[in-house]
Protein backbone atom coordinates (compact mmCIF):
# COMPACT_ATOMS: atom_id res chain seq x y z
CA MET A 1 11.18 -13.94 79.64
CA GLU A 2 13.05 -13.11 76.47
CA ASN A 3 15.98 -10.77 76.14
CA ASP A 4 16.15 -7.10 75.21
CA GLU A 5 13.00 -6.01 76.98
CA SER A 6 14.42 -2.49 77.33
CA ASN A 7 13.58 -1.70 73.71
CA ALA A 8 10.52 -3.89 73.33
CA VAL A 9 6.99 -2.46 73.24
CA ILE A 10 4.58 -3.38 76.04
CA VAL A 11 1.35 -5.00 74.87
CA LEU A 12 -1.81 -4.64 76.99
CA ASP A 13 -4.75 -6.80 75.94
CA ASN A 14 -7.48 -6.00 78.47
CA GLY A 15 -10.70 -7.96 78.11
CA SER A 16 -13.74 -8.13 80.35
CA GLY A 17 -12.50 -11.33 81.98
CA TYR A 18 -8.70 -11.32 81.80
CA LEU A 19 -5.80 -8.96 81.25
CA LYS A 20 -3.00 -10.31 79.07
CA ALA A 21 0.26 -8.39 79.09
CA GLY A 22 3.84 -8.80 78.02
CA TYR A 23 6.51 -7.55 75.64
CA SER A 24 6.38 -7.46 71.86
CA ASN A 25 9.38 -9.78 71.60
CA GLN A 26 7.37 -12.59 73.21
CA THR A 27 5.28 -15.21 71.42
CA SER A 28 2.72 -15.35 74.23
CA PRO A 29 1.75 -13.06 77.10
CA ASP A 30 3.97 -13.21 80.14
CA ILE A 31 1.06 -12.20 82.36
CA CYS A 32 -2.55 -13.40 82.32
CA ILE A 33 -4.57 -12.30 85.35
CA PRO A 34 -8.26 -11.74 86.15
CA ALA A 35 -9.30 -8.23 85.10
CA LEU A 36 -10.73 -7.60 88.54
CA VAL A 37 -10.35 -5.28 91.50
CA GLY A 38 -11.67 -6.47 94.87
CA ARG A 39 -12.45 -4.69 98.14
CA GLU A 40 -12.93 -6.31 101.52
CA ILE A 41 -16.46 -7.18 102.53
CA LEU A 42 -17.73 -9.42 105.32
CA ARG A 43 -20.96 -11.26 104.65
CA TYR A 44 -22.63 -13.42 107.26
CA GLY A 45 -23.99 -16.83 106.39
CA GLU A 46 -22.21 -16.98 103.04
CA LYS A 47 -20.62 -20.27 102.15
CA ILE A 48 -16.87 -19.91 102.10
CA ASP A 49 -14.12 -22.29 101.20
CA LEU A 50 -13.27 -23.49 104.70
CA ASN A 51 -14.84 -26.45 106.52
CA LYS A 52 -14.08 -24.79 109.82
CA ILE A 53 -16.32 -21.87 108.98
CA LYS A 54 -19.06 -24.16 107.67
CA GLU A 55 -19.07 -26.12 110.93
CA THR A 56 -19.43 -22.99 113.02
CA LYS A 57 -23.13 -22.37 113.61
CA LYS A 58 -23.15 -19.09 115.53
CA LYS A 59 -22.80 -15.98 113.41
CA SER A 60 -20.79 -14.27 116.14
CA GLU A 61 -18.26 -17.07 116.04
CA GLN A 62 -18.23 -16.97 112.25
CA LYS A 63 -17.36 -13.30 112.44
CA LYS A 64 -14.41 -13.97 114.72
CA LEU A 65 -13.14 -16.80 112.54
CA ILE A 66 -13.43 -14.75 109.35
CA LYS A 67 -11.59 -11.83 110.95
CA GLN A 68 -8.87 -14.19 112.10
CA MET A 69 -8.67 -15.70 108.62
CA ILE A 70 -8.32 -12.23 107.13
CA LYS A 71 -5.52 -11.46 109.54
CA GLU A 72 -3.74 -14.74 108.90
CA ARG A 73 -4.09 -14.66 105.17
CA HIS A 74 -3.12 -10.99 104.88
CA LEU A 75 -6.25 -9.82 103.05
CA LYS A 76 -5.57 -6.31 101.80
CA GLU A 77 -8.04 -3.44 101.62
CA ILE A 78 -7.80 -3.50 97.81
CA MET A 79 -6.77 -6.62 95.93
CA ILE A 80 -6.01 -6.76 92.22
CA GLY A 81 -5.86 -9.41 89.53
CA ASP A 82 -4.27 -12.67 90.66
CA GLU A 83 -4.27 -11.46 94.28
CA ILE A 84 -8.01 -12.13 94.31
CA VAL A 85 -7.71 -15.88 93.70
CA GLY A 86 -8.89 -17.71 96.81
CA PHE A 87 -10.52 -14.62 98.35
CA ARG A 88 -13.56 -14.07 96.10
CA SER A 89 -16.12 -14.82 98.79
CA LEU A 90 -14.61 -12.12 101.01
CA LEU A 91 -14.47 -9.38 98.38
CA ASP A 92 -16.75 -7.00 96.56
CA LEU A 93 -15.52 -7.38 92.97
CA SER A 94 -15.30 -4.74 90.26
CA HIS A 95 -14.86 -5.30 86.50
CA PRO A 96 -13.09 -2.13 85.28
CA VAL A 97 -13.82 -3.12 81.67
CA THR A 98 -17.19 -4.56 80.71
CA GLU A 99 -17.90 -5.69 77.14
CA GLY A 100 -14.99 -3.59 75.91
CA ILE A 101 -16.07 -0.36 77.65
CA ILE A 102 -14.27 1.22 80.60
CA THR A 103 -16.75 1.28 83.49
CA ASP A 104 -14.41 2.33 86.29
CA GLU A 105 -11.41 4.50 85.41
CA GLU A 106 -9.89 4.44 88.89
CA ASP A 107 -10.00 0.67 89.14
CA LEU A 108 -8.58 0.30 85.63
CA PHE A 109 -5.71 2.57 86.67
CA LYS A 110 -5.12 0.32 89.70
CA LEU A 111 -5.17 -2.79 87.50
CA TRP A 112 -2.78 -1.39 84.90
CA ASP A 113 -0.46 0.17 87.48
CA TYR A 114 -0.31 -3.13 89.36
CA THR A 115 0.45 -5.00 86.13
CA LEU A 116 3.17 -2.64 84.93
CA THR A 117 4.93 -1.92 88.21
CA GLN A 118 4.49 -5.06 90.29
CA LYS A 119 4.00 -7.85 87.75
CA MET A 120 6.34 -6.54 85.04
CA GLY A 121 8.72 -4.65 87.32
CA ILE A 122 8.78 -1.43 85.29
CA GLU A 123 10.53 1.30 87.25
CA ASP A 124 10.28 4.17 84.74
CA PRO A 125 7.11 4.03 82.59
CA SER A 126 8.13 7.22 80.76
CA GLU A 127 10.68 5.21 78.78
CA LYS A 128 8.10 2.70 77.53
CA LYS A 129 5.89 2.49 74.46
CA ILE A 130 2.58 0.68 74.86
CA ILE A 131 0.18 -0.92 72.38
CA VAL A 132 -3.34 -1.23 73.81
CA THR A 133 -5.87 -3.46 72.07
CA GLU A 134 -9.45 -2.28 71.76
CA ALA A 135 -12.85 -3.85 71.27
CA PRO A 136 -14.86 -3.33 68.06
CA LEU A 137 -16.66 -0.01 67.70
CA ASN A 138 -14.72 1.43 70.62
CA PRO A 139 -16.10 4.99 71.12
CA ILE A 140 -13.73 7.96 71.09
CA SER A 141 -14.63 8.72 74.71
CA ASN A 142 -13.30 5.30 75.70
CA LYS A 143 -10.08 5.87 73.74
CA ILE A 144 -9.54 9.19 75.51
CA LYS A 145 -9.90 7.45 78.89
CA ILE A 146 -7.18 4.97 77.88
CA PHE A 147 -4.77 7.79 77.04
CA GLU A 148 -5.64 9.73 80.20
CA ILE A 149 -4.93 6.75 82.44
CA LEU A 150 -1.67 5.76 80.76
CA PHE A 151 -0.31 9.26 80.13
CA GLU A 152 -1.62 11.33 83.03
CA LYS A 153 -1.74 8.78 85.86
CA ILE A 154 0.92 6.21 84.98
CA GLY A 155 3.16 8.40 82.81
CA VAL A 156 4.13 6.11 79.92
CA GLY A 157 6.17 7.51 77.03
CA ALA A 158 4.08 6.70 73.92
CA ILE A 159 0.87 4.88 73.02
CA ASN A 160 -1.04 3.46 70.11
CA ILE A 161 -4.32 1.58 70.02
CA GLU A 162 -5.03 -1.37 67.74
CA PRO A 163 -8.32 -3.17 67.03
CA GLN A 164 -8.46 -6.69 68.42
CA ALA A 165 -9.81 -8.12 65.15
CA LYS A 166 -6.90 -6.76 63.13
CA CYS A 167 -4.49 -8.26 65.68
CA SER A 168 -6.17 -11.69 65.43
CA LEU A 169 -5.77 -11.70 61.65
CA PHE A 170 -2.14 -10.62 61.81
CA ALA A 171 -1.47 -13.46 64.23
CA GLU A 172 -2.50 -15.82 61.41
CA GLY A 173 -0.41 -13.99 58.80
CA ILE A 174 -3.38 -12.62 56.84
CA ASP A 175 -4.97 -9.20 56.47
CA THR A 176 -8.37 -10.20 55.04
CA GLY A 177 -10.95 -12.35 56.80
CA ILE A 178 -13.78 -12.32 59.30
CA VAL A 179 -12.90 -12.63 62.97
CA LEU A 180 -15.24 -14.43 65.32
CA ASP A 181 -14.13 -13.09 68.69
CA SER A 182 -15.84 -14.58 71.72
CA GLY A 183 -14.40 -13.89 75.14
CA ASP A 184 -15.91 -13.47 78.58
CA GLY A 185 -18.60 -10.85 78.06
CA VAL A 186 -19.47 -10.44 74.39
CA THR A 187 -19.19 -12.12 70.97
CA HIS A 188 -18.39 -10.15 67.82
CA CYS A 189 -18.12 -10.86 64.11
CA ILE A 190 -15.70 -8.37 62.58
CA PRO A 191 -14.95 -8.42 58.83
CA VAL A 192 -11.56 -7.06 57.76
CA SER A 193 -10.45 -6.38 54.18
CA ASP A 194 -6.80 -5.54 53.42
CA GLY A 195 -6.27 -4.58 57.06
CA ALA A 196 -9.31 -2.28 57.07
CA ILE A 197 -12.18 -3.00 59.45
CA LEU A 198 -15.58 -2.88 57.73
CA LYS A 199 -17.28 -1.10 60.61
CA HIS A 200 -20.81 -1.10 59.23
CA SER A 201 -20.76 -4.88 58.84
CA ILE A 202 -19.83 -5.73 62.43
CA GLU A 203 -22.31 -7.91 64.28
CA ARG A 204 -22.51 -8.28 68.06
CA MET A 205 -24.13 -10.73 70.46
CA ASP A 206 -24.09 -10.13 74.22
CA ILE A 207 -23.60 -13.81 74.98
CA ALA A 208 -20.17 -15.25 75.72
CA GLY A 209 -18.18 -17.20 78.32
CA ARG A 210 -19.65 -15.57 81.42
CA HIS A 211 -23.21 -16.33 80.25
CA ILE A 212 -22.33 -19.97 79.56
CA THR A 213 -21.04 -20.25 83.14
CA GLU A 214 -24.23 -18.62 84.48
CA TYR A 215 -26.37 -21.03 82.46
CA LEU A 216 -24.32 -23.98 83.70
CA VAL A 217 -25.00 -22.79 87.26
CA ARG A 218 -28.75 -22.78 86.51
CA LEU A 219 -28.63 -26.26 84.97
CA LEU A 220 -26.78 -27.67 87.97
CA GLN A 221 -29.14 -25.93 90.39
CA LYS A 222 -32.04 -27.72 88.72
CA LYS A 223 -30.35 -30.95 89.84
CA GLY A 224 -30.34 -29.70 93.42
CA TYR A 225 -26.77 -28.45 93.70
CA ALA A 226 -26.35 -25.14 95.54
CA PHE A 227 -24.14 -22.52 93.91
CA ASN A 228 -24.68 -19.09 95.41
CA SER A 229 -21.44 -17.19 96.04
CA SER A 230 -18.93 -15.52 93.75
CA ALA A 231 -16.45 -18.23 94.74
CA ASP A 232 -18.93 -20.86 93.58
CA PHE A 233 -19.05 -19.12 90.21
CA ASP A 234 -15.32 -19.76 89.82
CA PHE A 235 -15.78 -23.46 90.61
CA VAL A 236 -18.48 -23.75 87.97
CA ARG A 237 -16.31 -21.89 85.45
CA GLU A 238 -13.62 -24.52 86.06
CA LEU A 239 -16.19 -27.26 85.49
CA LYS A 240 -17.14 -25.57 82.22
CA GLU A 241 -13.54 -25.42 81.02
CA LYS A 242 -12.88 -29.05 81.98
CA TYR A 243 -16.04 -30.80 80.79
CA CYS A 244 -18.06 -28.72 78.32
CA PHE A 245 -18.05 -29.17 74.54
CA VAL A 246 -20.06 -28.00 71.54
CA SER A 247 -22.39 -30.60 70.10
CA ASN A 248 -22.43 -31.12 66.34
CA ASP A 249 -25.74 -32.97 66.58
CA ILE A 250 -27.64 -31.71 69.59
CA GLU A 251 -30.70 -33.98 69.24
CA THR A 252 -28.56 -37.12 68.95
CA ASP A 253 -26.52 -36.11 71.99
CA ARG A 254 -29.70 -35.42 73.97
CA LYS A 255 -31.09 -38.85 73.08
CA LEU A 256 -27.77 -40.51 73.98
CA GLU A 257 -27.77 -38.77 77.35
CA ARG A 258 -31.37 -39.81 78.11
CA GLU A 259 -30.87 -43.46 77.21
CA THR A 260 -27.32 -44.12 78.42
CA SER A 261 -24.82 -43.02 81.03
CA TYR A 262 -22.24 -42.17 78.37
CA TYR A 263 -21.90 -38.48 79.30
CA ASN A 264 -21.85 -38.95 83.07
CA SER A 265 -18.86 -37.48 84.88
CA TYR A 266 -18.35 -36.95 88.61
CA HIS A 267 -16.46 -34.06 90.11
CA LEU A 268 -15.43 -33.31 93.70
CA LEU A 269 -15.76 -29.65 94.71
CA PRO A 270 -13.44 -28.02 97.29
CA ASP A 271 -16.09 -28.47 100.01
CA GLU A 272 -16.09 -32.23 99.16
CA THR A 273 -19.50 -32.08 97.49
CA ARG A 274 -19.66 -34.72 94.75
CA ILE A 275 -21.64 -33.64 91.72
CA ARG A 276 -22.70 -35.43 88.55
CA ILE A 277 -22.34 -33.68 85.20
CA SER A 278 -24.01 -35.12 82.11
CA ASP A 279 -26.06 -33.24 79.49
CA GLU A 280 -24.90 -29.94 80.98
CA LYS A 281 -21.63 -30.54 79.14
CA PHE A 282 -23.20 -29.71 75.78
CA GLU A 283 -26.36 -27.86 76.86
CA ALA A 284 -24.46 -24.93 78.43
CA PRO A 285 -22.40 -23.96 75.31
CA GLU A 286 -25.47 -24.50 73.11
CA ILE A 287 -26.69 -20.98 74.01
CA LEU A 288 -24.07 -19.62 71.58
CA PHE A 289 -26.03 -21.29 68.77
CA ASN A 290 -29.54 -21.18 70.27
CA PRO A 291 -29.77 -18.05 72.46
CA SER A 292 -33.50 -18.68 72.96
CA LEU A 293 -32.47 -21.25 75.59
CA ILE A 294 -31.80 -18.32 77.94
CA GLY A 295 -34.59 -16.12 76.62
CA LYS A 296 -32.43 -14.02 74.27
CA GLU A 297 -33.61 -13.04 70.80
CA TYR A 298 -30.28 -13.27 68.98
CA ASP A 299 -29.96 -15.54 65.95
CA GLY A 300 -26.88 -17.41 67.15
CA ILE A 301 -23.29 -17.29 65.94
CA PRO A 302 -23.61 -18.88 62.44
CA TYR A 303 -26.49 -16.61 61.42
CA MET A 304 -24.67 -13.64 62.89
CA MET A 305 -21.59 -14.42 60.79
CA MET A 306 -23.63 -14.79 57.59
CA LYS A 307 -25.40 -11.51 58.30
CA SER A 308 -22.05 -9.78 58.79
CA ILE A 309 -20.58 -11.20 55.55
CA ASN A 310 -23.69 -10.34 53.53
CA LYS A 311 -23.43 -6.72 54.67
CA CYS A 312 -19.97 -6.49 53.07
CA PRO A 313 -19.28 -5.54 49.44
CA ILE A 314 -19.66 -8.53 47.13
CA ASP A 315 -16.09 -8.29 45.86
CA CYS A 316 -14.57 -8.96 49.30
CA ARG A 317 -16.87 -11.78 50.49
CA LYS A 318 -14.73 -14.51 48.92
CA GLY A 319 -11.79 -13.48 51.11
CA LEU A 320 -14.00 -13.40 54.19
CA TYR A 321 -15.29 -16.94 53.65
CA SER A 322 -11.75 -18.26 53.17
CA GLY A 323 -10.45 -16.57 56.32
CA ILE A 324 -12.87 -17.27 59.18
CA VAL A 325 -10.60 -16.72 62.17
CA LEU A 326 -11.62 -17.90 65.64
CA SER A 327 -10.35 -15.77 68.51
CA GLY A 328 -10.86 -15.73 72.27
CA ALA A 329 -11.00 -18.38 74.98
CA ASN A 330 -14.69 -19.00 74.44
CA THR A 331 -13.92 -20.57 71.03
CA LEU A 332 -11.76 -23.29 72.62
CA PHE A 333 -14.62 -25.69 73.36
CA PRO A 334 -14.07 -29.06 71.64
CA GLY A 335 -16.33 -29.24 68.60
CA PHE A 336 -16.68 -25.46 68.28
CA ALA A 337 -14.72 -25.06 65.05
CA SER A 338 -16.38 -27.98 63.25
CA ARG A 339 -19.86 -26.78 64.30
CA ILE A 340 -19.12 -23.31 62.90
CA GLU A 341 -17.78 -24.71 59.63
CA ASN A 342 -20.69 -27.12 59.14
CA GLU A 343 -23.36 -24.53 59.86
CA ILE A 344 -21.75 -21.83 57.72
CA LYS A 345 -21.57 -24.26 54.80
CA LYS A 346 -25.21 -25.16 55.30
CA LEU A 347 -26.33 -21.53 55.49
CA TYR A 348 -24.20 -20.63 52.49
CA LYS A 349 -25.90 -23.29 50.39
CA GLU A 350 -29.29 -21.99 51.51
CA THR A 351 -28.73 -18.26 51.18
CA ALA A 352 -25.71 -17.47 49.03
CA LEU A 353 -25.20 -20.27 46.52
CA LYS A 354 -27.54 -18.78 43.95
CA LEU A 355 -25.67 -15.49 43.98
CA ALA A 356 -22.34 -17.29 43.73
CA LYS A 357 -23.50 -19.26 40.68
CA GLU A 358 -24.75 -16.11 39.01
CA LYS A 359 -21.40 -14.44 39.57
CA LYS A 360 -19.48 -17.65 38.82
CA ILE A 361 -17.63 -17.29 42.13
CA LYS A 362 -15.96 -20.34 43.63
CA ILE A 363 -16.08 -20.02 47.41
CA ASN A 364 -13.77 -21.82 49.80
CA ILE A 365 -15.10 -21.83 53.36
CA ASN A 366 -12.12 -22.14 55.69
CA VAL A 367 -12.26 -21.92 59.50
CA ILE A 368 -8.89 -21.09 61.08
CA ASP A 369 -8.79 -22.46 64.63
CA SER A 370 -5.25 -21.86 65.80
CA PRO A 371 -4.34 -23.69 69.05
CA LYS A 372 -3.01 -20.34 70.28
CA ARG A 373 -6.26 -18.45 69.60
CA LYS A 374 -6.74 -17.74 73.30
CA TYR A 375 -3.80 -15.34 72.91
CA SER A 376 -4.14 -14.46 69.21
CA VAL A 377 -4.94 -10.81 69.95
CA PHE A 378 -1.77 -10.47 72.02
CA ILE A 379 0.32 -12.28 69.39
CA GLY A 380 -0.98 -10.08 66.56
CA ALA A 381 -0.53 -6.92 68.61
CA SER A 382 3.09 -7.93 69.25
CA ILE A 383 3.70 -8.30 65.51
CA ILE A 384 2.20 -4.86 64.86
CA ALA A 385 4.13 -3.33 67.76
CA ASN A 386 7.44 -4.62 66.43
CA HIS A 387 6.68 -3.05 63.05
CA TYR A 388 5.74 0.29 64.60
CA ASN A 389 8.87 0.21 66.76
CA THR A 390 11.32 0.22 63.85
CA GLU A 391 13.26 3.29 62.75
CA GLY A 392 11.24 5.77 60.72
CA ASN A 393 7.86 4.78 62.18
CA ASP A 394 7.56 7.50 64.81
CA ASP A 395 4.30 8.71 63.25
CA TYR A 396 2.54 5.61 64.51
CA TRP A 397 2.87 6.82 68.11
CA ILE A 398 1.23 9.49 70.22
CA THR A 399 3.79 10.69 72.74
CA ARG A 400 3.10 11.86 76.25
CA ASP A 401 4.44 15.33 75.38
CA GLU A 402 2.02 15.59 72.43
CA TRP A 403 -0.86 14.61 74.67
CA LEU A 404 -0.04 17.00 77.49
CA GLU A 405 0.57 19.89 75.10
CA CYS A 406 -2.81 19.37 73.45
CA GLU A 407 -4.99 22.31 74.52
CA ASP A 408 -8.30 20.82 73.38
CA THR A 409 -9.19 24.00 71.50
CA GLY A 410 -9.87 24.55 67.79
CA ASP A 411 -8.50 21.73 65.64
CA TYR A 412 -5.86 20.81 68.19
CA THR A 413 -8.05 18.54 70.33
CA LYS A 414 -7.27 15.22 71.93
CA GLU A 415 -9.97 13.65 69.79
CA ASN A 416 -8.39 14.92 66.57
CA LEU A 417 -4.93 13.88 67.77
CA ILE A 418 -6.17 10.30 68.20
CA LYS A 419 -8.00 10.31 64.86
CA ASN A 420 -4.95 11.66 63.02
CA LYS A 421 -2.40 9.26 64.54
CA CYS A 422 -4.09 6.00 65.48
CA GLN A 423 -4.19 3.40 62.75
CA SER A 424 -7.51 2.12 64.04
CA TYR A 425 -9.02 5.32 62.66
CA LEU A 426 -6.89 5.72 59.57
CA LYS A 427 -7.67 2.25 58.24
CA ASP A 428 -11.26 1.67 59.32
CA LYS A 429 -13.92 1.77 56.61
């Protein structure tokens, strides 16, 4: 951890799958934990990650063994973030944030309090400024919940909220481009021009990393492998991250898989089950480009991006094509960037070339796939936080005193306070 944390701003990047946190003087998050809260639950007959339990046939004996395991492994009534690892099958899990929206305020408070006090060791939150990243089209009601949790329950000193897309662009040193953000729960295309989000041109697809994992489970089940528990889901997610890639020629890869053993890989699960993975490697991520594979009516990422760009004013489209920024862990699949670039070029020739010739516009299609794009939102937020934290930039922050003094009457409402101070409002178009 770098020096001078006392004056550095805390950055909280809370997605549906993971919470990334750290200080603004860091080049990557110091903390990356599952954005989960778990509560103890005992379920009979469920496969768990212990051969001893599997070998025990009587449910009464299973109960005793599980209770003993809980005692020995110190399972707590409520477990948070990285505490959950290894205990999924014994817990009822909650996602406090789903697709960018707060679904459980109390659990989000527990997650943030755990992160700030136990993981980061902050003793006096009132002395800290915090930048919180937000999903596209974040409603004002969701923003208010963020401030209520951090000000009224945790007691931090000052807050600002920044759009994730703007942060991703800043991480690349640009302020104009279109951000393809695909994380755990949702995929967005967000155009940004001169640091301003073009709200009415945002496109969304409710298919992302979690859905790829679910589809991979289904594909493996068709082969006869049993994956039923929440713990199994984690194993399959690991398989996805290790083996899956995006095909740049799906029909050729399908033919190669049918006629050869080229794509065969074998993996040993924790329960010593040996499974074979072949065409699942490229079939699972293919749902990002062909959502009909899972019965969804979306057009797929390339069409979604073109639709978003074509909604934007003509005079800013050139900058969007030249700054296609990939963001989020779901864009890390090998072959993802080249597939996006190839399909955008193809669609551009089909749908936009005529217009470009008429306007005599020379378009450069450039996909920016930074190796650090898993953390690009955090990196960009850190850059912004450092700027806001310099002398003379107090107006960028809402303080705890301002929030608590707000009477929510007349023009002096919490909603207006956020709209008047947060840059996400001031610069959106």
